[in-house]
Amino acid sequence: MDWTPYFDKTTGLPPRELYLEAVERFSGPGLAVDLGFGAGNETMDLLSRGWEVVAVDADPAAAPRLHARADGAGAERLTTVTGTIEDFDMPRADLVHAGSSVFFVPAARFTETWDRIVASLRPGGRFAGNLLGERDDWAANPAMTPVSRSTLDEMLAGLEVEHLHEQDEDGRSMQGPKHWHAYHVVARKP
C-alpha cells in the first residue's frame, strides 16, 4: 500500500490528543517507541520535548521523510526502523505510542506482539494507542486485527488504565464515509 498521500495530508498536523494525554503525564523525557509513525508528528513532538525516539514504520518512504523533518531538531536522538511492528525487537521504553497502527499486526501474531509491547514497558511506562473494534467498517479486512471489549480488558490486565474511550460512530476517513469503532487507550505499567 502506498501511504504517500496519507503522509502528504497529515505531515505537520498537531500531535494526536491521546498521545498528548500520555506524554504530559511524564515529569521528564525518556525513551519512546513510536510504532507506525507515519508522517512523524508525534515523533517530532517527542524530539522537541527532549525524548530519545525509536520510530518504526513498514513504509520505506516514511524514514527519509522523518529524517528530513528532524534535521537540526533532535535528529541525534532519533533512530528509525523500516519494518513491521510484529517483527520489531522492542527495546525497554518509557512510552510506546501506537497511533492507529497496532491493528495492522496480523491476527496470528497479534497476541505475541501485544505481549512484547507490554513487556517492553519499564515500570511507570505507558502505552498510548488506538485499537480497532469489531464494529468498525475495516474490521472485516483480513489485513487488520480488531478486538472485542472483553479481549481488550484481558489485554489491559495488569496495567493501570489511565484513559479508555470507546469510539463507536459514523464519520469519515481519507477514502470517504465510514463507521468508526475504536478503543483509545492510555495505560501505565505499575
C-alpha atoms as a PDB file:
ATOM      1  CA  MET A   1       0.000   0.000   0.000  1.00  0.00           C
ATOM      2  CA  ASP A   2       1.303   3.462  -0.909  1.00  0.00           C
ATOM      3  CA  TRP A   3       0.978   5.680   2.164  1.00  0.00           C
ATOM      4  CA  THR A   4       2.415   8.786   0.446  1.00  0.00           C
ATOM      5  CA  PRO A   5      -0.995  10.528   0.075  1.00  0.00           C
ATOM      6  CA  TYR A   6      -1.634   9.983   3.797  1.00  0.00           C
ATOM      7  CA  PHE A   7       1.831  11.312   4.697  1.00  0.00           C
ATOM      8  CA  ASP A   8       1.302  14.345   2.445  1.00  0.00           C
ATOM      9  CA  LYS A   9      -2.080  15.120   4.001  1.00  0.00           C
ATOM     10  CA  THR A  10      -1.041  14.646   7.637  1.00  0.00           C
ATOM     11  CA  THR A  11       2.538  15.972   7.790  1.00  0.00           C
ATOM     12  CA  GLY A  12       2.707  18.916  10.145  1.00  0.00           C
ATOM     13  CA  LEU A  13      -0.645  18.309  11.860  1.00  0.00           C
ATOM     14  CA  PRO A  14      -0.690  18.791  15.634  1.00  0.00           C
ATOM     15  CA  PRO A  15       0.081  15.664  17.654  1.00  0.00           C
ATOM     16  CA  ARG A  16      -2.882  13.441  18.492  1.00  0.00           C
ATOM     17  CA  GLU A  17      -4.724  14.274  21.720  1.00  0.00           C
ATOM     18  CA  LEU A  18      -4.354  10.732  23.062  1.00  0.00           C
ATOM     19  CA  TYR A  19      -0.587  10.919  22.644  1.00  0.00           C
ATOM     20  CA  LEU A  20      -0.510  14.319  24.375  1.00  0.00           C
ATOM     21  CA  GLU A  21      -2.526  12.947  27.269  1.00  0.00           C
ATOM     22  CA  ALA A  22       0.092  10.218  27.747  1.00  0.00           C
ATOM     23  CA  VAL A  23       3.285  12.226  27.237  1.00  0.00           C
ATOM     24  CA  GLU A  24       2.159  15.035  29.515  1.00  0.00           C
ATOM     25  CA  ARG A  25       1.837  12.526  32.382  1.00  0.00           C
ATOM     26  CA  PHE A  26       5.639  12.175  32.460  1.00  0.00           C
ATOM     27  CA  SER A  27       7.783  14.512  34.573  1.00  0.00           C
ATOM     28  CA  GLY A  28      10.597  14.471  32.018  1.00  0.00           C
ATOM     29  CA  PRO A  29      11.864  12.812  28.860  1.00  0.00           C
ATOM     30  CA  GLY A  30      12.882   9.193  28.470  1.00  0.00           C
ATOM     31  CA  LEU A  31      12.917   6.645  25.655  1.00  0.00           C
ATOM     32  CA  ALA A  32       9.848   6.422  23.440  1.00  0.00           C
ATOM     33  CA  VAL A  33       8.934   3.967  20.706  1.00  0.00           C
ATOM     34  CA  ASP A  34       6.570   5.288  18.021  1.00  0.00           C
ATOM     35  CA  LEU A  35       5.035   2.282  16.275  1.00  0.00           C
ATOM     36  CA  GLY A  36       3.746   3.092  12.785  1.00  0.00           C
ATOM     37  CA  PHE A  37       4.954   6.694  12.989  1.00  0.00           C
ATOM     38  CA  GLY A  38       3.549   7.656   9.575  1.00  0.00           C
ATOM     39  CA  ALA A  39       4.057  11.381   8.992  1.00  0.00           C
ATOM     40  CA  GLY A  40       6.008  11.603  12.251  1.00  0.00           C
ATOM     41  CA  ASN A  41       4.026  14.308  14.023  1.00  0.00           C
ATOM     42  CA  GLU A  42       4.217  12.632  17.435  1.00  0.00           C
ATOM     43  CA  THR A  43       7.869  11.716  16.899  1.00  0.00           C
ATOM     44  CA  MET A  44       8.670  15.350  16.151  1.00  0.00           C
ATOM     45  CA  ASP A  45       6.849  16.439  19.306  1.00  0.00           C
ATOM     46  CA  LEU A  46       8.766  13.888  21.368  1.00  0.00           C
ATOM     47  CA  LEU A  47      12.070  15.178  19.971  1.00  0.00           C
ATOM     48  CA  SER A  48      11.070  18.761  20.803  1.00  0.00           C
ATOM     49  CA  ARG A  49      10.499  17.618  24.401  1.00  0.00           C
ATOM     50  CA  GLY A  50      13.975  16.060  24.639  1.00  0.00           C
ATOM     51  CA  TRP A  51      12.962  12.404  24.313  1.00  0.00           C
ATOM     52  CA  GLU A  52      15.048   9.722  22.624  1.00  0.00           C
ATOM     53  CA  VAL A  53      12.835   8.123  19.983  1.00  0.00           C
ATOM     54  CA  VAL A  54      12.861   4.841  18.109  1.00  0.00           C
ATOM     55  CA  ALA A  55      10.377   5.315  15.265  1.00  0.00           C
ATOM     56  CA  VAL A  56       9.129   2.231  13.398  1.00  0.00           C
ATOM     57  CA  ASP A  57       7.170   2.137  10.136  1.00  0.00           C
ATOM     58  CA  ALA A  58       6.769  -0.518   7.448  1.00  0.00           C
ATOM     59  CA  ASP A  59       6.655   2.013   4.593  1.00  0.00           C
ATOM     60  CA  PRO A  60      10.174   2.583   3.182  1.00  0.00           C
ATOM     61  CA  ALA A  61       9.257   6.186   2.293  1.00  0.00           C
ATOM     62  CA  ALA A  62       8.492   7.118   5.922  1.00  0.00           C
ATOM     63  CA  ALA A  63      12.010   7.178   7.410  1.00  0.00           C
ATOM     64  CA  PRO A  64      13.642   9.514   4.849  1.00  0.00           C
ATOM     65  CA  ARG A  65      10.739  11.950   5.217  1.00  0.00           C
ATOM     66  CA  LEU A  66      11.050  11.896   9.009  1.00  0.00           C
ATOM     67  CA  HIS A  67      14.819  12.374   8.956  1.00  0.00           C
ATOM     68  CA  ALA A  68      14.382  15.398   6.673  1.00  0.00           C
ATOM     69  CA  ARG A  69      11.908  16.890   9.166  1.00  0.00           C
ATOM     70  CA  ALA A  70      14.115  16.104  12.165  1.00  0.00           C
ATOM     71  CA  ASP A  71      17.308  17.575  10.686  1.00  0.00           C
ATOM     72  CA  GLY A  72      18.534  20.016  13.324  1.00  0.00           C
ATOM     73  CA  ALA A  73      15.533  19.321  15.573  1.00  0.00           C
ATOM     74  CA  GLY A  74      16.799  16.496  17.748  1.00  0.00           C
ATOM     75  CA  ALA A  75      17.887  14.200  14.920  1.00  0.00           C
ATOM     76  CA  GLU A  76      20.735  12.899  17.088  1.00  0.00           C
ATOM     77  CA  ARG A  77      18.116  11.366  19.410  1.00  0.00           C
ATOM     78  CA  LEU A  78      16.157   9.708  16.589  1.00  0.00           C
ATOM     79  CA  THR A  79      16.520   6.131  15.387  1.00  0.00           C
ATOM     80  CA  THR A  80      14.266   4.926  12.583  1.00  0.00           C
ATOM     81  CA  VAL A  81      13.467   1.330  11.725  1.00  0.00           C
ATOM     82  CA  THR A  82      11.811   0.261   8.491  1.00  0.00           C
ATOM     83  CA  GLY A  83       9.861  -2.874   9.228  1.00  0.00           C
ATOM     84  CA  THR A  84       6.647  -4.284  10.611  1.00  0.00           C
ATOM     85  CA  ILE A  85       5.561  -3.951  14.220  1.00  0.00           C
ATOM     86  CA  GLU A  86       5.329  -7.709  14.646  1.00  0.00           C
ATOM     87  CA  ASP A  87       8.957  -8.198  13.551  1.00  0.00           C
ATOM     88  CA  PHE A  88      10.380  -5.261  15.525  1.00  0.00           C
ATOM     89  CA  ASP A  89      12.608  -6.120  18.502  1.00  0.00           C
ATOM     90  CA  MET A  90      11.118  -3.858  21.174  1.00  0.00           C
ATOM     91  CA  PRO A  91      13.619  -2.031  23.415  1.00  0.00           C
ATOM     92  CA  ARG A  92      12.821  -1.226  27.043  1.00  0.00           C
ATOM     93  CA  ALA A  93      10.834   2.011  26.850  1.00  0.00           C
ATOM     94  CA  ASP A  94       9.086   4.615  28.946  1.00  0.00           C
ATOM     95  CA  LEU A  95       6.431   5.273  26.307  1.00  0.00           C
ATOM     96  CA  VAL A  96       5.111   3.149  23.469  1.00  0.00           C
ATOM     97  CA  HIS A  97       2.884   5.135  21.133  1.00  0.00           C
ATOM     98  CA  ALA A  98       0.818   3.289  18.524  1.00  0.00           C
ATOM     99  CA  GLY A  99      -1.477   5.751  16.806  1.00  0.00           C
ATOM    100  CA  SER A 100      -3.733   3.634  14.582  1.00  0.00           C
ATOM    101  CA  SER A 101      -1.035   1.087  13.843  1.00  0.00           C
ATOM    102  CA  VAL A 102      -1.242  -1.996  16.089  1.00  0.00           C
ATOM    103  CA  PHE A 103      -4.369  -3.244  14.340  1.00  0.00           C
ATOM    104  CA  PHE A 104      -2.260  -3.792  11.202  1.00  0.00           C
ATOM    105  CA  VAL A 105      -0.473  -6.636  13.012  1.00  0.00           C
ATOM    106  CA  PRO A 106      -1.759  -9.947  11.549  1.00  0.00           C
ATOM    107  CA  ALA A 107      -4.164 -11.861  13.802  1.00  0.00           C
ATOM    108  CA  ALA A 108      -1.773 -14.837  14.008  1.00  0.00           C
ATOM    109  CA  ARG A 109       0.884 -12.591  15.588  1.00  0.00           C
ATOM    110  CA  PHE A 110      -1.285 -10.089  17.434  1.00  0.00           C
ATOM    111  CA  THR A 111      -1.225 -11.603  20.949  1.00  0.00           C
ATOM    112  CA  GLU A 112       2.523 -12.263  20.819  1.00  0.00           C
ATOM    113  CA  THR A 113       3.165  -8.712  19.598  1.00  0.00           C
ATOM    114  CA  TRP A 114       0.940  -7.169  22.268  1.00  0.00           C
ATOM    115  CA  ASP A 115       2.726  -9.205  24.953  1.00  0.00           C
ATOM    116  CA  ARG A 116       6.090  -7.909  23.711  1.00  0.00           C
ATOM    117  CA  ILE A 117       4.790  -4.316  23.792  1.00  0.00           C
ATOM    118  CA  VAL A 118       3.670  -4.681  27.410  1.00  0.00           C
ATOM    119  CA  ALA A 119       6.889  -6.481  28.387  1.00  0.00           C
ATOM    120  CA  SER A 120       8.954  -3.658  26.861  1.00  0.00           C
ATOM    121  CA  LEU A 121       7.452  -1.032  29.167  1.00  0.00           C
ATOM    122  CA  ARG A 122       9.641  -0.032  32.080  1.00  0.00           C
ATOM    123  CA  PRO A 123       7.929   0.304  35.476  1.00  0.00           C
ATOM    124  CA  GLY A 124       5.924   3.530  35.239  1.00  0.00           C
ATOM    125  CA  GLY A 125       6.000   3.319  31.443  1.00  0.00           C
ATOM    126  CA  ARG A 126       2.912   3.897  29.346  1.00  0.00           C
ATOM    127  CA  PHE A 127       1.220   2.570  26.251  1.00  0.00           C
ATOM    128  CA  ALA A 128      -0.836   5.106  24.282  1.00  0.00           C
ATOM    129  CA  GLY A 129      -2.651   3.960  21.210  1.00  0.00           C
ATOM    130  CA  ASN A 130      -5.739   3.027  19.271  1.00  0.00           C
ATOM    131  CA  LEU A 131      -7.130  -0.461  18.810  1.00  0.00           C
ATOM    132  CA  LEU A 132      -9.709  -1.408  16.215  1.00  0.00           C
ATOM    133  CA  GLY A 133     -13.117  -2.547  17.489  1.00  0.00           C
ATOM    134  CA  GLU A 134     -15.234  -5.290  15.973  1.00  0.00           C
ATOM    135  CA  ARG A 135     -17.930  -2.955  14.609  1.00  0.00           C
ATOM    136  CA  ASP A 136     -15.510  -0.800  12.591  1.00  0.00           C
ATOM    137  CA  ASP A 137     -16.013  -0.875   8.818  1.00  0.00           C
ATOM    138  CA  TRP A 138     -12.391  -2.014   8.480  1.00  0.00           C
ATOM    139  CA  ALA A 139     -12.831  -4.934  10.898  1.00  0.00           C
ATOM    140  CA  ALA A 140     -13.719  -7.321   8.051  1.00  0.00           C
ATOM    141  CA  ASN A 141     -10.421  -6.563   6.286  1.00  0.00           C
ATOM    142  CA  PRO A 142      -8.234  -9.672   6.734  1.00  0.00           C
ATOM    143  CA  ALA A 143      -5.150  -7.437   6.901  1.00  0.00           C
ATOM    144  CA  MET A 144      -6.411  -5.906  10.168  1.00  0.00           C
ATOM    145  CA  THR A 145      -6.989  -7.305  13.630  1.00  0.00           C
ATOM    146  CA  PRO A 146      -9.996  -5.982  15.549  1.00  0.00           C
ATOM    147  CA  VAL A 147     -10.549  -6.714  19.233  1.00  0.00           C
ATOM    148  CA  SER A 148     -13.671  -7.147  21.336  1.00  0.00           C
ATOM    149  CA  ARG A 149     -14.153  -5.255  24.570  1.00  0.00           C
ATOM    150  CA  SER A 150     -13.597  -8.453  26.566  1.00  0.00           C
ATOM    151  CA  THR A 151     -10.348  -9.111  24.684  1.00  0.00           C
ATOM    152  CA  LEU A 152      -9.250  -5.536  25.334  1.00  0.00           C
ATOM    153  CA  ASP A 153      -9.932  -5.967  29.046  1.00  0.00           C
ATOM    154  CA  GLU A 154      -7.740  -9.106  29.024  1.00  0.00           C
ATOM    155  CA  MET A 155      -5.004  -7.229  27.160  1.00  0.00           C
ATOM    156  CA  LEU A 156      -5.016  -4.443  29.750  1.00  0.00           C
ATOM    157  CA  ALA A 157      -4.992  -6.764  32.780  1.00  0.00           C
ATOM    158  CA  GLY A 158      -2.026  -5.891  34.980  1.00  0.00           C
ATOM    159  CA  LEU A 159      -1.831  -2.326  33.647  1.00  0.00           C
ATOM    160  CA  GLU A 160      -3.289   0.784  35.254  1.00  0.00           C
ATOM    161  CA  VAL A 161      -5.769   2.174  32.737  1.00  0.00           C
ATOM    162  CA  GLU A 162      -5.470   5.958  32.853  1.00  0.00           C
ATOM    163  CA  HIS A 163      -7.705   6.651  29.842  1.00  0.00           C
ATOM    164  CA  LEU A 164     -10.091   4.460  27.878  1.00  0.00           C
ATOM    165  CA  HIS A 165     -12.561   5.860  25.380  1.00  0.00           C
ATOM    166  CA  GLU A 166     -14.658   3.684  23.100  1.00  0.00           C
ATOM    167  CA  GLN A 167     -15.492   5.432  19.825  1.00  0.00           C
ATOM    168  CA  ASP A 168     -18.489   3.947  18.007  1.00  0.00           C
ATOM    169  CA  GLU A 169     -19.828   6.381  15.425  1.00  0.00           C
ATOM    170  CA  ASP A 170     -20.203   7.237  11.773  1.00  0.00           C
ATOM    171  CA  GLY A 171     -17.558   9.543  10.383  1.00  0.00           C
ATOM    172  CA  ARG A 172     -15.057   9.966   7.576  1.00  0.00           C
ATOM    173  CA  SER A 173     -11.702   8.576   6.547  1.00  0.00           C
ATOM    174  CA  MET A 174      -9.422   9.616   3.709  1.00  0.00           C
ATOM    175  CA  GLN A 175     -11.435   7.239   1.497  1.00  0.00           C
ATOM    176  CA  GLY A 176     -14.807   8.778   2.444  1.00  0.00           C
ATOM    177  CA  PRO A 177     -17.613   7.882   4.867  1.00  0.00           C
ATOM    178  CA  LYS A 178     -17.041   5.011   7.311  1.00  0.00           C
ATOM    179  CA  HIS A 179     -18.199   3.660  10.655  1.00  0.00           C
ATOM    180  CA  TRP A 180     -15.519   4.011  13.305  1.00  0.00           C
ATOM    181  CA  HIS A 181     -15.279   1.608  16.214  1.00  0.00           C
ATOM    182  CA  ALA A 182     -12.046   2.021  18.131  1.00  0.00           C
ATOM    183  CA  TYR A 183     -10.636   1.957  21.631  1.00  0.00           C
ATOM    184  CA  HIS A 184      -8.357   4.858  22.597  1.00  0.00           C
ATOM    185  CA  VAL A 185      -6.123   3.781  25.461  1.00  0.00           C
ATOM    186  CA  VAL A 186      -3.501   5.159  27.798  1.00  0.00           C
ATOM    187  CA  ALA A 187      -2.288   2.502  30.235  1.00  0.00           C
ATOM    188  CA  ARG A 188       0.579   2.573  32.721  1.00  0.00           C
ATOM    189  CA  LYS A 189       2.757  -0.323  33.849  1.00  0.00           C
ATOM    190  CA  PRO A 190       2.950  -0.338  37.667  1.00  0.00           C
END
